[in-house]
Amino acid sequence: MPDDMTTRLAEDLGIGTLPREDQEKLIMQFTEVALKAATVSVLEKMPEEKRVEFAQLAEAGDAGAVRAFLDTTVPDHETFARAAVQEELRKFKEFQAS
């Protein structure tokens, strides 16, 4: 049974009528693309000299440390990431419509 987030994302992507397996595949692909876009968007706003430190924190897998670092280094990181994801959603829908 799908969870609420998966169902909502399938609806947002306009794929809610596809078979469940296809939905999951497309959601996984979209999530990967959106995550990359969000990361690039934040990195573009980050001072270049801070990128190595960010990479080290990200590799260590400490989400709290990454968040604290981003909060001080790129204060509006959530806004940038959200905008990047929304842009990828727009592109996906545009592609679907063509």
N, C-alpha and C. Protein backbone atom coordinates (compact mmCIF):
# COMPACT_ATOMS: atom_id res chain seq x y z
N MET A 1 0.85 -1.19 0.00
CA MET A 1 0.00 0.00 0.00
C MET A 1 0.89 1.25 0.00
N PRO A 2 0.60 2.21 -0.88
CA PRO A 2 1.44 3.41 -0.96
C PRO A 2 1.27 4.31 0.25
N ASP A 3 2.36 4.99 0.62
CA ASP A 3 2.26 5.94 1.71
C ASP A 3 1.77 7.28 1.16
N ASP A 4 1.41 8.18 2.06
CA ASP A 4 0.84 9.46 1.65
C ASP A 4 1.80 10.28 0.80
N MET A 5 3.09 10.26 1.15
CA MET A 5 4.06 11.05 0.40
C MET A 5 4.20 10.53 -1.03
N THR A 6 4.25 9.22 -1.19
CA THR A 6 4.36 8.63 -2.52
C THR A 6 3.12 8.94 -3.34
N THR A 7 1.97 8.82 -2.74
CA THR A 7 0.72 9.12 -3.43
C THR A 7 0.68 10.58 -3.86
N ARG A 8 1.08 11.46 -2.96
CA ARG A 8 1.07 12.90 -3.29
C ARG A 8 2.06 13.22 -4.40
N LEU A 9 3.23 12.64 -4.33
CA LEU A 9 4.24 12.88 -5.36
C LEU A 9 3.76 12.33 -6.71
N ALA A 10 3.14 11.17 -6.70
CA ALA A 10 2.60 10.61 -7.94
C ALA A 10 1.55 11.55 -8.53
N GLU A 11 0.72 12.12 -7.68
CA GLU A 11 -0.29 13.07 -8.14
C GLU A 11 0.37 14.34 -8.68
N ASP A 12 1.36 14.86 -7.94
CA ASP A 12 2.07 16.08 -8.38
C ASP A 12 2.75 15.87 -9.73
N LEU A 13 3.28 14.67 -9.93
CA LEU A 13 3.96 14.37 -11.18
C LEU A 13 2.99 14.00 -12.31
N GLY A 14 1.73 13.80 -11.96
CA GLY A 14 0.73 13.45 -12.96
C GLY A 14 0.83 12.00 -13.41
N ILE A 15 1.32 11.14 -12.53
CA ILE A 15 1.50 9.74 -12.89
C ILE A 15 0.64 8.80 -12.04
N GLY A 16 -0.34 9.36 -11.36
CA GLY A 16 -1.16 8.59 -10.44
C GLY A 16 -1.96 7.47 -11.07
N THR A 17 -2.16 7.52 -12.37
CA THR A 17 -2.95 6.48 -13.04
C THR A 17 -2.09 5.35 -13.59
N LEU A 18 -0.78 5.50 -13.52
CA LEU A 18 0.12 4.45 -14.00
C LEU A 18 0.15 3.29 -13.02
N PRO A 19 0.57 2.11 -13.48
CA PRO A 19 0.73 0.99 -12.54
C PRO A 19 1.72 1.36 -11.44
N ARG A 20 1.52 0.81 -10.28
CA ARG A 20 2.32 1.13 -9.09
C ARG A 20 3.83 0.99 -9.35
N GLU A 21 4.21 -0.08 -10.03
CA GLU A 21 5.63 -0.30 -10.31
C GLU A 21 6.21 0.83 -11.16
N ASP A 22 5.47 1.29 -12.15
CA ASP A 22 5.92 2.39 -13.00
C ASP A 22 6.00 3.69 -12.20
N GLN A 23 5.02 3.91 -11.33
CA GLN A 23 5.03 5.10 -10.48
C GLN A 23 6.30 5.11 -9.63
N GLU A 24 6.59 3.99 -9.00
CA GLU A 24 7.77 3.91 -8.12
C GLU A 24 9.05 4.18 -8.90
N LYS A 25 9.15 3.63 -10.10
CA LYS A 25 10.34 3.84 -10.92
C LYS A 25 10.50 5.32 -11.28
N LEU A 26 9.42 5.94 -11.73
CA LEU A 26 9.47 7.35 -12.11
C LEU A 26 9.73 8.25 -10.90
N ILE A 27 9.14 7.93 -9.77
CA ILE A 27 9.36 8.71 -8.56
C ILE A 27 10.83 8.62 -8.14
N MET A 28 11.40 7.42 -8.22
CA MET A 28 12.80 7.25 -7.86
C MET A 28 13.69 8.08 -8.79
N GLN A 29 13.41 8.04 -10.08
CA GLN A 29 14.19 8.80 -11.04
C GLN A 29 14.04 10.30 -10.81
N PHE A 30 12.80 10.74 -10.58
CA PHE A 30 12.56 12.16 -10.34
C PHE A 30 13.27 12.61 -9.06
N THR A 31 13.19 11.81 -8.02
CA THR A 31 13.82 12.16 -6.75
C THR A 31 15.32 12.33 -6.92
N GLU A 32 15.93 11.44 -7.68
CA GLU A 32 17.38 11.53 -7.91
C GLU A 32 17.73 12.83 -8.65
N VAL A 33 16.98 13.13 -9.68
CA VAL A 33 17.23 14.36 -10.45
C VAL A 33 16.98 15.59 -9.59
N ALA A 34 15.90 15.59 -8.82
CA ALA A 34 15.56 16.73 -7.98
C ALA A 34 16.61 16.95 -6.89
N LEU A 35 17.10 15.86 -6.30
CA LEU A 35 18.13 15.97 -5.27
C LEU A 35 19.41 16.57 -5.85
N LYS A 36 19.78 16.11 -7.03
CA LYS A 36 20.97 16.66 -7.68
C LYS A 36 20.79 18.15 -7.98
N ALA A 37 19.63 18.51 -8.49
CA ALA A 37 19.36 19.92 -8.81
C ALA A 37 19.39 20.78 -7.55
N ALA A 38 18.81 20.28 -6.47
CA ALA A 38 18.81 21.03 -5.21
C ALA A 38 20.24 21.20 -4.69
N THR A 39 21.04 20.14 -4.78
CA THR A 39 22.42 20.21 -4.31
C THR A 39 23.23 21.20 -5.12
N VAL A 40 23.09 21.14 -6.43
CA VAL A 40 23.81 22.08 -7.31
C VAL A 40 23.39 23.51 -7.00
N SER A 41 22.10 23.72 -6.82
CA SER A 41 21.60 25.06 -6.53
C SER A 41 22.22 25.62 -5.25
N VAL A 42 22.30 24.80 -4.22
CA VAL A 42 22.88 25.25 -2.96
C VAL A 42 24.39 25.46 -3.11
N LEU A 43 25.05 24.54 -3.81
CA LEU A 43 26.50 24.67 -4.00
C LEU A 43 26.85 25.93 -4.78
N GLU A 44 26.01 26.31 -5.72
CA GLU A 44 26.26 27.54 -6.49
C GLU A 44 26.23 28.78 -5.60
N LYS A 45 25.48 28.73 -4.52
CA LYS A 45 25.37 29.86 -3.60
C LYS A 45 26.44 29.83 -2.52
N MET A 46 27.09 28.68 -2.37
CA MET A 46 28.09 28.49 -1.33
C MET A 46 29.43 29.07 -1.76
N PRO A 47 30.11 29.79 -0.85
CA PRO A 47 31.45 30.27 -1.18
C PRO A 47 32.35 29.08 -1.56
N GLU A 48 33.12 29.26 -2.60
CA GLU A 48 33.94 28.17 -3.12
C GLU A 48 34.85 27.57 -2.06
N GLU A 49 35.39 28.42 -1.19
CA GLU A 49 36.31 27.92 -0.17
C GLU A 49 35.63 27.04 0.89
N LYS A 50 34.31 27.02 0.92
CA LYS A 50 33.56 26.21 1.89
C LYS A 50 33.13 24.86 1.31
N ARG A 51 33.30 24.66 0.01
CA ARG A 51 32.79 23.45 -0.64
C ARG A 51 33.50 22.18 -0.20
N VAL A 52 34.80 22.25 0.05
CA VAL A 52 35.53 21.06 0.51
C VAL A 52 35.01 20.64 1.88
N GLU A 53 34.83 21.61 2.76
CA GLU A 53 34.31 21.30 4.09
C GLU A 53 32.91 20.70 4.00
N PHE A 54 32.09 21.25 3.12
CA PHE A 54 30.75 20.71 2.92
C PHE A 54 30.82 19.26 2.45
N ALA A 55 31.68 18.99 1.48
CA ALA A 55 31.82 17.63 0.95
C ALA A 55 32.25 16.66 2.04
N GLN A 56 33.15 17.09 2.90
CA GLN A 56 33.61 16.23 4.00
C GLN A 56 32.47 15.93 4.97
N LEU A 57 31.69 16.94 5.30
CA LEU A 57 30.56 16.74 6.20
C LEU A 57 29.51 15.82 5.57
N ALA A 58 29.25 16.03 4.30
CA ALA A 58 28.26 15.21 3.60
C ALA A 58 28.72 13.76 3.54
N GLU A 59 29.99 13.54 3.25
CA GLU A 59 30.53 12.18 3.20
C GLU A 59 30.47 11.49 4.55
N ALA A 60 30.64 12.25 5.61
CA ALA A 60 30.59 11.68 6.96
C ALA A 60 29.18 11.21 7.31
N GLY A 61 28.18 11.76 6.61
CA GLY A 61 26.80 11.32 6.82
C GLY A 61 26.12 11.89 8.04
N ASP A 62 26.65 12.94 8.61
CA ASP A 62 26.05 13.56 9.79
C ASP A 62 25.09 14.66 9.33
N ALA A 63 23.82 14.31 9.22
CA ALA A 63 22.82 15.25 8.71
C ALA A 63 22.73 16.51 9.56
N GLY A 64 22.85 16.38 10.86
CA GLY A 64 22.79 17.54 11.74
C GLY A 64 23.94 18.51 11.50
N ALA A 65 25.14 17.96 11.29
CA ALA A 65 26.30 18.80 11.02
C ALA A 65 26.17 19.48 9.67
N VAL A 66 25.65 18.75 8.68
CA VAL A 66 25.46 19.34 7.34
C VAL A 66 24.45 20.48 7.43
N ARG A 67 23.38 20.26 8.13
CA ARG A 67 22.34 21.30 8.26
C ARG A 67 22.89 22.53 8.97
N ALA A 68 23.61 22.31 10.06
CA ALA A 68 24.19 23.44 10.80
C ALA A 68 25.16 24.21 9.92
N PHE A 69 25.96 23.49 9.16
CA PHE A 69 26.92 24.12 8.25
C PHE A 69 26.18 24.95 7.20
N LEU A 70 25.16 24.36 6.60
CA LEU A 70 24.39 25.09 5.58
C LEU A 70 23.66 26.29 6.18
N ASP A 71 23.14 26.14 7.38
CA ASP A 71 22.44 27.25 8.03
C ASP A 71 23.33 28.47 8.18
N THR A 72 24.61 28.24 8.43
CA THR A 72 25.52 29.38 8.61
C THR A 72 26.19 29.81 7.30
N THR A 73 26.40 28.87 6.39
CA THR A 73 27.12 29.17 5.16
C THR A 73 26.21 29.67 4.04
N VAL A 74 25.03 29.07 3.93
CA VAL A 74 24.05 29.46 2.91
C VAL A 74 22.69 29.58 3.63
N PRO A 75 22.48 30.71 4.31
CA PRO A 75 21.29 30.84 5.17
C PRO A 75 19.95 30.50 4.50
N ASP A 76 19.80 30.77 3.23
CA ASP A 76 18.54 30.48 2.55
C ASP A 76 18.58 29.18 1.76
N HIS A 77 19.41 28.22 2.21
CA HIS A 77 19.59 26.98 1.46
C HIS A 77 18.29 26.24 1.21
N GLU A 78 17.38 26.25 2.16
CA GLU A 78 16.11 25.55 1.96
C GLU A 78 15.28 26.19 0.86
N THR A 79 15.31 27.49 0.78
CA THR A 79 14.59 28.21 -0.28
C THR A 79 15.17 27.87 -1.64
N PHE A 80 16.49 27.86 -1.75
CA PHE A 80 17.14 27.54 -3.02
C PHE A 80 16.84 26.10 -3.42
N ALA A 81 16.93 25.19 -2.48
CA ALA A 81 16.68 23.78 -2.77
C ALA A 81 15.23 23.56 -3.19
N ARG A 82 14.30 24.19 -2.49
CA ARG A 82 12.88 24.06 -2.81
C ARG A 82 12.60 24.59 -4.21
N ALA A 83 13.20 25.74 -4.56
CA ALA A 83 13.01 26.32 -5.89
C ALA A 83 13.56 25.39 -6.97
N ALA A 84 14.68 24.75 -6.70
CA ALA A 84 15.27 23.83 -7.68
C ALA A 84 14.37 22.61 -7.89
N VAL A 85 13.80 22.09 -6.81
CA VAL A 85 12.90 20.95 -6.93
C VAL A 85 11.64 21.36 -7.70
N GLN A 86 11.10 22.53 -7.41
CA GLN A 86 9.92 23.01 -8.13
C GLN A 86 10.21 23.17 -9.62
N GLU A 87 11.41 23.63 -9.95
CA GLU A 87 11.80 23.77 -11.36
C GLU A 87 11.88 22.41 -12.03
N GLU A 88 12.40 21.42 -11.33
CA GLU A 88 12.46 20.07 -11.90
C GLU A 88 11.06 19.50 -12.09
N LEU A 89 10.17 19.79 -11.16
CA LEU A 89 8.77 19.36 -11.29
C LEU A 89 8.13 20.01 -12.51
N ARG A 90 8.39 21.29 -12.70
CA ARG A 90 7.86 21.99 -13.87
C ARG A 90 8.39 21.37 -15.16
N LYS A 91 9.68 21.08 -15.20
CA LYS A 91 10.28 20.47 -16.38
C LYS A 91 9.68 19.09 -16.66
N PHE A 92 9.46 18.33 -15.60
CA PHE A 92 8.88 17.00 -15.76
C PHE A 92 7.49 17.09 -16.37
N LYS A 93 6.69 18.00 -15.84
CA LYS A 93 5.33 18.16 -16.33
C LYS A 93 5.33 18.66 -17.77
N GLU A 94 6.25 19.56 -18.08
CA GLU A 94 6.38 20.08 -19.44
C GLU A 94 6.75 18.95 -20.41
N PHE A 95 7.68 18.11 -19.99
CA PHE A 95 8.10 16.97 -20.81
C PHE A 95 6.92 16.03 -21.03
N GLN A 96 6.17 15.78 -19.98
CA GLN A 96 5.02 14.88 -20.05
C GLN A 96 3.97 15.40 -21.02
N ALA A 97 3.81 16.71 -21.06
CA ALA A 97 2.78 17.32 -21.90
C ALA A 97 3.18 17.32 -23.38
N SER A 98 4.47 17.15 -23.66
CA SER A 98 4.91 17.21 -25.06
C SER A 98 4.81 15.87 -25.75
